[in-house]
């Protein structure tokens, strides 16, 4: 198998004491190598989970445990390279986002080469999420699979339950490290190795067997003092300074404007503390940003043409979906898991809350065709992104009003649904119906915005002629 670098995605994690409502949140832009990659939103029931799993890319065969749980999933529509589950919440309210492509270096790859017959992003959600009952257990299960089977690529994976968030990074072929995110902190993770300071003796860290000894044996630590995994195992390249670091810089700038940092800095912090508590709306904004109010904004007026192309933005034409996996602490367990989801380019879409404890997902999100169809929310959102990119200033007010009013309506439906939970005999059916209502609202509002954009844009077409009398 030929190794293909898939430099995409931006992840964000927010601990329960750093969110506005006390929930845990793990989020990620699911970007891809190409600009078109249709996505779906589905539910896998226990009876549909295969006991014997086979990777499409490597052909690796695994016998999976008994008694899988029900879980949500956001896989591809085109399955030539496998399912690529991307994100989900299981029936024990454990969330998993996989994966964030990261980086490595030749020193560790010389010690622990990739296993081209191992597991990778294609496989991880399906072979881990249905079998874990806590975020920490997710790290332990994935870690054991990595040590046994190895991997052919570097990835970052996040897990969350109602109390804890864990971030795991694969290190070369069989090694890995994970850290518990402090409850009062947030993390921004672009496509690089992100974990910096690491304490092997802490209860809040986990790693592969013998990792500390491996570092010492092969003289991998470049620092005179301390253990910084980004320095030991990661890259520090010109590509990082243009492609990765600026994304972390900008989001940290949004939530910590009082701290002055350089967008190219290779040592931007991993663990951050915002000067305010963060909301779903904050995370959605962060994961669709394009350096607003800086010279680096492709749509802005502040920079030169060269500056506007200098850094890779978070919101990009290769955004295909955005998920925010929220586990709430102030509601019954049956409604705690909310799988927030947006399809398409994040500058022209809206985030939609779906209950995870359901029997099925709405057809406009579930049945995404492999080719363009305006009746699919994925394809309609992609079309709006393309149209909006053509004249951002013309459409941005309509887009902002659309998202404000849409999310307000979704929240209203959610509040009313939460209130009615106590009188329900079949909670899964009740929540499935609520999701259908939310999806209908999302689709209707998206169609309305698309129509408004066409009306606004038609008079601006170059192909016009005014007859002067």
Protein backbone atom coordinates (compact mmCIF):
# COMPACT_ATOMS: atom_id res chain seq x y z
CA UNK A 1 0.00 0.00 0.00
CA UNK A 2 1.36 3.43 -0.96
CA UNK A 3 1.25 5.97 1.87
CA UNK A 4 -0.88 9.02 1.03
CA UNK A 5 -0.56 12.16 3.16
CA UNK A 6 -4.02 13.53 3.98
CA UNK A 7 -3.21 16.96 5.44
CA UNK A 8 -6.62 18.13 6.48
CA UNK A 9 -8.97 18.91 9.40
CA UNK A 10 -8.83 21.19 12.42
CA UNK A 11 -9.88 19.88 15.84
CA UNK A 12 -11.05 21.71 18.95
CA UNK A 13 -11.72 20.31 22.45
CA UNK A 14 -13.38 22.14 25.35
CA UNK A 15 -13.54 20.83 28.93
CA UNK A 16 -16.74 20.92 31.00
CA UNK A 17 -15.63 23.85 33.18
CA UNK A 18 -14.66 25.85 30.08
CA UNK A 19 -18.08 25.55 28.38
CA UNK A 20 -21.02 27.83 28.97
CA UNK A 21 -23.36 25.02 30.08
CA UNK A 22 -20.99 22.56 31.76
CA UNK A 23 -20.97 20.02 28.93
CA UNK A 24 -17.91 18.44 27.34
CA UNK A 25 -17.38 19.24 23.64
CA UNK A 26 -15.07 17.70 21.06
CA UNK A 27 -15.22 19.10 17.55
CA UNK A 28 -13.50 18.80 14.20
CA UNK A 29 -13.72 20.04 10.65
CA UNK A 30 -13.73 16.87 8.56
CA UNK A 31 -11.72 18.10 5.59
CA UNK A 32 -10.46 15.99 2.74
CA UNK A 33 -7.73 15.93 0.14
CA UNK A 34 -10.21 16.83 -2.63
CA UNK A 35 -12.89 19.49 -2.78
CA UNK A 36 -15.79 17.04 -3.21
CA UNK A 37 -16.35 14.12 -0.83
CA UNK A 38 -20.03 13.42 0.00
CA UNK A 39 -20.78 12.73 3.68
CA UNK A 40 -23.69 11.04 5.49
CA UNK A 41 -25.16 10.92 9.00
CA UNK A 42 -26.33 7.47 10.11
CA UNK A 43 -27.03 5.26 13.12
CA UNK A 44 -25.44 1.82 13.47
CA UNK A 45 -27.56 -0.54 15.58
CA UNK A 46 -26.03 -3.49 17.46
CA UNK A 47 -27.53 -6.00 15.05
CA UNK A 48 -25.92 -4.15 12.11
CA UNK A 49 -22.40 -4.12 13.57
CA UNK A 50 -20.33 -6.81 11.86
CA UNK A 51 -18.51 -9.27 14.11
CA UNK A 52 -15.75 -9.75 11.56
CA UNK A 53 -14.30 -6.50 10.25
CA UNK A 54 -12.08 -6.15 7.19
CA UNK A 55 -10.24 -2.98 6.22
CA UNK A 56 -10.72 -1.98 2.59
CA UNK A 57 -7.36 -0.20 2.33
CA UNK A 58 -5.09 -2.80 3.93
CA UNK A 59 -7.20 -5.95 3.97
CA UNK A 60 -6.56 -6.40 7.70
CA UNK A 61 -9.19 -8.64 9.30
CA UNK A 62 -10.30 -8.19 12.92
CA UNK A 63 -12.69 -10.16 15.09
CA UNK A 64 -14.60 -7.55 17.09
CA UNK A 65 -15.95 -7.98 20.64
CA UNK A 66 -19.44 -9.17 21.49
CA UNK A 67 -22.24 -6.84 22.61
CA UNK A 68 -21.59 -3.68 20.58
CA UNK A 69 -23.58 -0.57 21.42
CA UNK A 70 -25.66 1.59 19.12
CA UNK A 71 -23.79 4.64 17.81
CA UNK A 72 -24.06 7.56 15.41
CA UNK A 73 -21.60 7.90 12.55
CA UNK A 74 -20.73 10.38 9.76
CA UNK A 75 -19.17 8.21 7.03
CA UNK A 76 -18.51 8.81 3.37
CA UNK A 77 -21.06 8.11 0.65
CA UNK A 78 -18.40 6.76 -1.70
CA UNK A 79 -16.97 3.63 -0.09
CA UNK A 80 -14.10 2.70 -2.42
CA UNK A 81 -11.63 3.35 0.44
CA UNK A 82 -13.89 2.15 3.25
CA UNK A 83 -16.39 3.76 5.60
CA UNK A 84 -14.27 6.50 7.28
CA UNK A 85 -16.72 6.96 10.17
CA UNK A 86 -15.23 10.32 11.32
CA UNK A 87 -17.43 11.05 14.35
CA UNK A 88 -20.03 9.49 16.60
CA UNK A 89 -21.66 9.11 20.01
CA UNK A 90 -22.54 5.70 21.42
CA UNK A 91 -25.47 4.71 23.65
CA UNK A 92 -23.32 5.12 26.78
CA UNK A 93 -22.81 8.79 25.85
CA UNK A 94 -19.18 8.37 24.88
CA UNK A 95 -18.08 10.47 21.90
CA UNK A 96 -15.21 9.86 19.49
CA UNK A 97 -13.76 11.97 16.66
CA UNK A 98 -11.29 10.27 14.32
CA UNK A 99 -9.10 11.56 12.90
CA UNK A 100 -6.93 14.67 12.74
CA UNK A 101 -4.00 14.02 10.42
CA UNK A 102 -0.81 15.00 12.26
CA UNK A 103 2.95 14.93 11.62
CA UNK A 104 6.00 12.95 12.65
CA UNK A 105 9.72 12.91 11.93
CA UNK A 106 12.37 10.60 10.52
CA UNK A 107 14.02 9.92 13.90
CA UNK A 108 11.04 8.04 15.35
CA UNK A 109 10.09 6.47 12.01
CA UNK A 110 13.56 5.00 11.85
CA UNK A 111 12.95 3.37 15.22
CA UNK A 112 9.30 2.39 14.70
CA UNK A 113 8.37 2.28 10.97
CA UNK A 114 4.78 2.46 9.83
CA UNK A 115 2.97 -0.84 9.36
CA UNK A 116 1.40 -0.60 5.92
CA UNK A 117 -0.85 -3.57 6.78
CA UNK A 118 -2.15 -1.99 10.00
CA UNK A 119 -5.15 0.12 10.98
CA UNK A 120 -5.88 3.71 9.99
CA UNK A 121 -8.47 6.46 9.83
CA UNK A 122 -10.72 4.30 7.67
CA UNK A 123 -11.20 1.83 10.51
CA UNK A 124 -10.99 3.54 13.88
CA UNK A 125 -14.56 4.61 14.68
CA UNK A 126 -16.07 1.25 13.77
CA UNK A 127 -13.58 -0.89 15.71
CA UNK A 128 -13.48 1.29 18.84
CA UNK A 129 -16.60 3.40 19.51
CA UNK A 130 -19.25 0.63 19.91
CA UNK A 131 -17.22 -1.05 22.67
CA UNK A 132 -16.16 1.73 25.07
CA UNK A 133 -17.91 3.04 28.19
CA UNK A 134 -15.76 6.06 28.98
CA UNK A 135 -13.31 8.40 27.26
CA UNK A 136 -10.37 6.83 29.09
CA UNK A 137 -11.53 3.36 28.01
CA UNK A 138 -11.53 4.62 24.43
CA UNK A 139 -7.87 5.57 24.75
CA UNK A 140 -7.04 2.20 26.28
CA UNK A 141 -8.84 0.19 23.60
CA UNK A 142 -7.40 2.15 20.69
CA UNK A 143 -3.96 2.10 22.28
CA UNK A 144 -4.01 -1.69 22.58
CA UNK A 145 -5.07 -2.03 18.93
CA UNK A 146 -2.27 0.27 17.80
CA UNK A 147 0.33 -1.71 19.71
CA UNK A 148 -0.97 -5.01 18.34
CA UNK A 149 -1.66 -4.13 14.70
CA UNK A 150 0.23 -0.89 14.10
CA UNK A 151 -0.79 1.97 11.82
CA UNK A 152 0.30 3.35 8.47
CA UNK A 153 -0.30 7.05 9.22
CA UNK A 154 -0.02 9.69 11.99
CA UNK A 155 -3.33 10.70 13.55
CA UNK A 156 -4.88 12.58 16.46
CA UNK A 157 -8.09 11.15 17.98
CA UNK A 158 -10.37 12.64 20.64
CA UNK A 159 -12.70 10.94 23.12
CA UNK A 160 -15.22 12.46 25.52
CA UNK A 161 -17.74 11.41 28.14
CA UNK A 162 -19.71 13.70 30.46
CA UNK A 163 -16.70 14.24 32.73
CA UNK A 164 -13.51 13.84 30.73
CA UNK A 165 -11.91 14.61 27.37
CA UNK A 166 -8.84 12.70 26.17
CA UNK A 167 -6.62 13.40 23.17
CA UNK A 168 -4.53 10.57 21.68
CA UNK A 169 -1.78 10.94 19.10
CA UNK A 170 -0.27 8.04 17.19
CA UNK A 171 3.52 8.00 17.20
CA UNK A 172 5.03 6.21 14.20
CA UNK A 173 4.04 2.58 13.60
CA UNK A 174 3.02 1.19 16.99
CA UNK A 175 3.53 3.84 19.64
CA UNK A 176 1.09 6.41 20.97
CA UNK A 177 0.53 8.96 23.74
CA UNK A 178 -2.63 10.47 25.23
CA UNK A 179 -3.42 13.26 27.65
CA UNK A 180 -6.53 14.20 29.61
CA UNK A 181 -7.60 17.75 28.80
CA UNK A 182 -8.05 19.85 31.98
CA UNK A 183 -11.70 20.58 32.71
CA UNK A 184 -11.12 24.34 32.54
CA UNK A 185 -9.15 24.30 29.28
CA UNK A 186 -9.60 24.29 25.53
CA UNK A 187 -7.36 22.85 22.81
CA UNK A 188 -6.87 23.72 19.14
CA UNK A 189 -5.21 20.97 17.08
CA UNK A 190 -4.19 21.55 13.44
CA UNK A 191 -2.35 19.01 11.25
CA UNK A 192 0.77 18.62 13.34
CA UNK A 193 1.77 16.70 16.45
CA UNK A 194 0.14 18.81 19.14
CA UNK A 195 0.94 17.39 22.60
CA UNK A 196 3.79 19.37 24.13
CA UNK A 197 4.72 18.93 27.81
CA UNK A 198 4.12 15.34 28.93
CA UNK A 199 4.40 13.83 32.40
CA UNK A 200 4.84 10.07 32.24
CA UNK A 201 4.06 9.78 35.97
CA UNK A 202 0.73 11.63 35.89
CA UNK A 203 -2.68 9.95 36.22
CA UNK A 204 -3.79 12.26 33.41
CA UNK A 205 -1.52 10.70 30.78
CA UNK A 206 -1.38 7.31 29.06
CA UNK A 207 1.04 5.95 26.48
CA UNK A 208 2.30 2.85 24.70
CA UNK A 209 4.35 0.31 26.58
CA UNK A 210 7.97 1.39 26.97
CA UNK A 211 7.61 4.80 25.31
CA UNK A 212 9.74 6.60 27.92
CA UNK A 213 12.47 3.98 27.61
CA UNK A 214 12.33 4.18 23.80
CA UNK A 215 12.98 7.93 23.94
CA UNK A 216 16.04 7.39 26.13
CA UNK A 217 17.40 4.37 24.28
CA UNK A 218 17.38 6.06 20.87
CA UNK A 219 18.31 9.58 22.09
CA UNK A 220 15.16 11.16 20.65
CA UNK A 221 14.74 14.14 23.01
CA UNK A 222 16.33 17.32 21.58
CA UNK A 223 15.59 19.40 24.71
CA UNK A 224 18.07 19.82 27.54
CA UNK A 225 15.24 19.74 30.07
CA UNK A 226 11.72 18.33 30.14
CA UNK A 227 9.70 16.06 27.87
CA UNK A 228 7.96 17.83 25.01
CA UNK A 229 6.38 15.25 22.68
CA UNK A 230 5.96 17.77 19.87
CA UNK A 231 9.72 18.35 19.91
CA UNK A 232 10.53 14.65 20.25
CA UNK A 233 8.18 13.08 17.72
CA UNK A 234 6.72 15.91 15.62
CA UNK A 235 7.84 18.13 12.80
CA UNK A 236 8.94 21.76 12.84
CA UNK A 237 8.95 22.65 9.17
CA UNK A 238 8.26 25.61 6.92
CA UNK A 239 5.06 23.81 5.95
CA UNK A 240 3.98 23.80 9.61
CA UNK A 241 4.64 27.54 9.85
CA UNK A 242 2.35 28.23 6.88
CA UNK A 243 -0.17 25.38 6.94
CA UNK A 244 -0.64 24.44 10.61
CA UNK A 245 0.56 26.93 13.18
CA UNK A 246 -1.43 29.93 11.87
CA UNK A 247 -4.74 28.10 12.41
CA UNK A 248 -3.92 27.47 16.07
CA UNK A 249 -2.68 31.07 16.36
CA UNK A 250 -5.90 32.58 15.01
CA UNK A 251 -8.32 30.54 17.13
CA UNK A 252 -6.22 31.18 20.22
CA UNK A 253 -6.28 34.87 19.27
CA UNK A 254 -10.10 34.73 19.17
CA UNK A 255 -10.38 33.35 22.71
CA UNK A 256 -7.27 34.89 24.24
CA UNK A 257 -6.88 38.25 22.47
CA UNK A 258 -4.80 39.55 25.36
CA UNK A 259 -1.90 37.19 24.45
CA UNK A 260 0.45 38.32 21.67
CA UNK A 261 1.78 35.44 19.54
CA UNK A 262 3.38 34.92 16.14
CA UNK A 263 1.24 32.95 13.62
CA UNK A 264 4.35 31.03 12.52
CA UNK A 265 5.42 30.06 16.04
CA UNK A 266 6.26 26.34 16.27
CA UNK A 267 5.66 26.35 20.05
CA UNK A 268 2.12 27.70 20.33
CA UNK A 269 0.61 26.13 23.47
CA UNK A 270 -1.44 22.95 23.39
CA UNK A 271 -3.46 23.53 26.59
CA UNK A 272 -5.18 26.95 26.59
CA UNK A 273 -7.48 28.81 28.97
CA UNK A 274 -10.02 31.22 27.50
CA UNK A 275 -11.01 34.49 29.12
CA UNK A 276 -14.67 33.43 28.79
CA UNK A 277 -16.72 30.23 28.77
CA UNK A 278 -17.22 28.86 25.27
CA UNK A 279 -20.47 27.97 23.52
CA UNK A 280 -21.47 25.85 20.54
CA UNK A 281 -21.66 29.08 18.53
CA UNK A 282 -18.07 29.97 19.49
CA UNK A 283 -16.76 26.60 18.33
CA UNK A 284 -18.71 26.77 15.06
CA UNK A 285 -17.30 30.24 14.36
CA UNK A 286 -13.75 29.13 15.20
CA UNK A 287 -13.92 26.13 12.87
CA UNK A 288 -15.09 28.24 9.94
CA UNK A 289 -12.70 31.15 10.30
CA UNK A 290 -10.51 32.57 7.55
CA UNK A 291 -8.40 35.10 9.49
CA UNK A 292 -11.11 37.74 9.72
CA UNK A 293 -9.85 41.24 10.62
CA UNK A 294 -6.26 40.35 9.72
CA UNK A 295 -4.23 40.87 6.51
CA UNK A 296 -4.45 37.09 5.89
CA UNK A 297 -8.22 36.99 5.19
CA UNK A 298 -8.87 35.85 1.60
CA UNK A 299 -12.09 37.90 1.61
CA UNK A 300 -10.73 40.91 3.51
CA UNK A 301 -9.53 44.37 2.49
CA UNK A 302 -6.58 44.70 4.86
CA UNK A 303 -3.89 42.62 3.19
CA UNK A 304 -2.02 42.38 -0.09
CA UNK A 305 -2.70 39.59 -2.55
CA UNK A 306 0.40 37.82 -1.25
CA UNK A 307 -0.69 38.10 2.41
CA UNK A 308 -4.15 36.73 1.61
CA UNK A 309 -2.54 33.57 0.26
CA UNK A 310 0.13 33.25 2.94
CA UNK A 311 -1.57 30.88 5.41
CA UNK A 312 -4.04 28.01 5.17
CA UNK A 313 -7.37 29.09 6.74
CA UNK A 314 -9.54 26.92 8.99
CA UNK A 315 -12.60 27.37 6.78
CA UNK A 316 -11.56 26.07 3.36
CA UNK A 317 -13.11 24.63 0.20
CA UNK A 318 -12.12 21.15 1.42
CA UNK A 319 -14.47 21.34 4.46
CA UNK A 320 -16.99 18.53 4.00
CA UNK A 321 -18.53 18.36 7.44
CA UNK A 322 -18.15 19.83 10.89
CA UNK A 323 -19.15 17.96 14.02
CA UNK A 324 -19.39 19.13 17.61
CA UNK A 325 -19.98 16.15 19.89
CA UNK A 326 -21.58 17.47 23.05
CA UNK A 327 -22.19 15.40 26.19
CA UNK A 328 -24.46 17.37 28.51
CA UNK A 329 -24.39 17.19 32.31
CA UNK A 330 -27.60 19.01 33.23
CA UNK A 331 -30.13 16.67 31.59
CA UNK A 332 -31.19 13.00 31.83
CA UNK A 333 -28.70 10.52 30.35
CA UNK A 334 -31.19 9.56 27.64
CA UNK A 335 -30.83 13.00 26.04
CA UNK A 336 -27.28 13.89 27.08
CA UNK A 337 -25.56 13.17 23.75
CA UNK A 338 -26.00 15.81 21.03
CA UNK A 339 -24.33 15.25 17.66
CA UNK A 340 -24.11 18.77 16.20
CA UNK A 341 -23.46 18.60 12.47
CA UNK A 342 -22.89 20.84 9.47
CA UNK A 343 -22.17 19.77 5.90
CA UNK A 344 -20.19 21.69 3.28
CA UNK A 345 -17.89 24.72 3.49
CA UNK A 346 -18.22 26.23 6.95
CA UNK A 347 -18.39 29.85 5.76
CA UNK A 348 -21.86 29.19 4.27
CA UNK A 349 -23.65 26.59 6.39
CA UNK A 350 -25.15 26.22 9.85
CA UNK A 351 -24.56 23.80 12.70
CA UNK A 352 -27.56 21.57 13.50
CA UNK A 353 -28.18 19.71 16.79
CA UNK A 354 -29.22 16.06 16.53
CA UNK A 355 -30.01 13.81 19.49
CA UNK A 356 -27.73 10.77 19.45
CA UNK A 357 -30.12 8.35 21.19
CA UNK A 358 -32.25 7.67 18.09
CA UNK A 359 -33.38 4.81 15.88
CA UNK A 360 -32.63 6.52 12.56
CA UNK A 361 -31.38 9.79 11.09
CA UNK A 362 -33.22 12.26 8.81
CA UNK A 363 -33.14 11.22 5.13
CA UNK A 364 -31.72 14.55 3.88
CA UNK A 365 -28.67 13.89 6.09
CA UNK A 366 -28.64 10.09 5.84
CA UNK A 367 -29.08 9.42 2.13
CA UNK A 368 -26.43 11.67 0.55
CA UNK A 369 -26.06 10.77 -3.15
CA UNK A 370 -22.62 10.24 -4.64
CA UNK A 371 -23.35 12.90 -7.30
CA UNK A 372 -24.96 16.33 -7.11
CA UNK A 373 -28.57 16.45 -5.98
CA UNK A 374 -30.13 19.68 -4.62
CA UNK A 375 -32.47 17.64 -2.39
CA UNK A 376 -29.46 16.62 -0.28
CA UNK A 377 -28.27 18.97 2.45
CA UNK A 378 -24.62 18.11 1.70
CA UNK A 379 -24.85 19.04 -1.96
CA UNK A 380 -26.99 22.12 -1.36
CA UNK A 381 -24.49 23.36 1.21
CA UNK A 382 -21.62 22.76 -1.22
CA UNK A 383 -23.44 24.77 -3.88
CA UNK A 384 -23.98 27.66 -1.45
CA UNK A 385 -20.30 27.67 -0.55
CA UNK A 386 -19.31 27.89 -4.20
CA UNK A 387 -21.78 30.71 -4.89
CA UNK A 388 -20.87 32.56 -1.70
CA UNK A 389 -17.16 32.40 -2.42
CA UNK A 390 -17.78 34.26 -5.68
CA UNK A 391 -18.89 37.43 -3.86
CA UNK A 392 -18.45 37.06 -0.10
CA UNK A 393 -19.31 40.68 0.77
CA UNK A 394 -22.59 40.52 -1.15
CA UNK A 395 -23.85 37.43 0.66
CA UNK A 396 -22.36 37.62 4.14
CA UNK A 397 -25.23 39.56 5.77
CA UNK A 398 -27.77 37.06 4.45
CA UNK A 399 -25.58 34.20 5.61
CA UNK A 400 -25.13 35.67 9.10
CA UNK A 401 -28.86 36.27 9.52
CA UNK A 402 -29.58 32.75 8.28
CA UNK A 403 -27.28 31.13 10.85
CA UNK A 404 -28.50 33.34 13.71
CA UNK A 405 -32.16 32.61 13.08
CA UNK A 406 -31.64 28.93 12.22
CA UNK A 407 -29.65 28.05 15.35
CA UNK A 408 -32.13 30.00 17.48
CA UNK A 409 -34.96 27.89 16.04
CA UNK A 410 -33.02 24.65 16.51
CA UNK A 411 -32.35 25.56 20.13
CA UNK A 412 -36.03 26.32 20.66
CA UNK A 413 -37.05 22.89 19.30
CA UNK A 414 -34.39 21.28 21.47
CA UNK A 415 -35.58 23.06 24.62
CA UNK A 416 -39.17 21.98 24.02
CA UNK A 417 -38.06 18.42 23.25
CA UNK A 418 -36.01 18.29 26.46
CA UNK A 419 -39.02 19.46 28.48
CA UNK A 420 -41.22 16.67 27.11
CA UNK A 421 -38.86 13.79 27.76
CA UNK A 422 -40.41 12.78 31.09
CA UNK A 423 -43.75 11.84 29.57
CA UNK A 424 -42.39 9.57 26.83
CA UNK A 425 -42.78 5.80 26.72
CA UNK A 426 -40.37 5.33 23.82
CA UNK A 427 -37.61 7.91 24.11
CA UNK A 428 -35.68 6.85 21.00
CA UNK A 429 -38.79 7.25 18.79
CA UNK A 430 -39.53 10.61 20.41
CA UNK A 431 -36.01 11.89 19.74
CA UNK A 432 -35.99 10.48 16.21
CA UNK A 433 -39.11 12.53 15.48
CA UNK A 434 -37.49 15.63 17.01
CA UNK A 435 -34.44 15.17 14.78
CA UNK A 436 -36.70 14.91 11.73
CA UNK A 437 -38.34 18.19 12.72
CA UNK A 438 -34.98 19.89 13.15
CA UNK A 439 -33.72 18.54 9.80
CA UNK A 440 -36.82 19.77 7.99
CA UNK A 441 -36.30 23.20 9.50
CA UNK A 442 -32.62 23.14 8.46
CA UNK A 443 -33.40 22.09 4.89
CA UNK A 444 -36.17 24.65 4.42
CA UNK A 445 -34.02 27.48 5.75
CA UNK A 446 -31.07 26.39 3.61
CA UNK A 447 -33.26 26.41 0.48
CA UNK A 448 -34.52 29.87 1.41
CA UNK A 449 -30.98 31.19 1.84
CA UNK A 450 -29.92 29.66 -1.47
CA UNK A 451 -32.85 31.38 -3.19
CA UNK A 452 -31.97 34.71 -1.57
CA UNK A 453 -28.38 34.36 -2.74
CA UNK A 454 -29.53 33.76 -6.32
CA UNK A 455 -31.76 36.84 -6.18
CA UNK A 456 -28.93 38.96 -4.78
CA UNK A 457 -26.34 37.65 -7.21
CA UNK A 458 -28.26 37.70 -10.49
CA UNK A 459 -28.11 41.50 -10.97
CA UNK A 460 -24.34 41.36 -10.39
CA UNK A 461 -23.64 38.98 -13.29
CA UNK A 462 -21.06 40.20 -15.77
CA UNK A 463 -23.31 39.06 -18.60
CA UNK A 464 -25.67 42.05 -18.62
CA UNK A 465 -26.31 45.09 -20.75
CA UNK A 466 -28.13 48.29 -19.84
CA UNK A 467 -29.87 49.97 -22.78
CA UNK A 468 -29.27 53.74 -22.58
CA UNK A 469 -31.96 55.82 -24.07
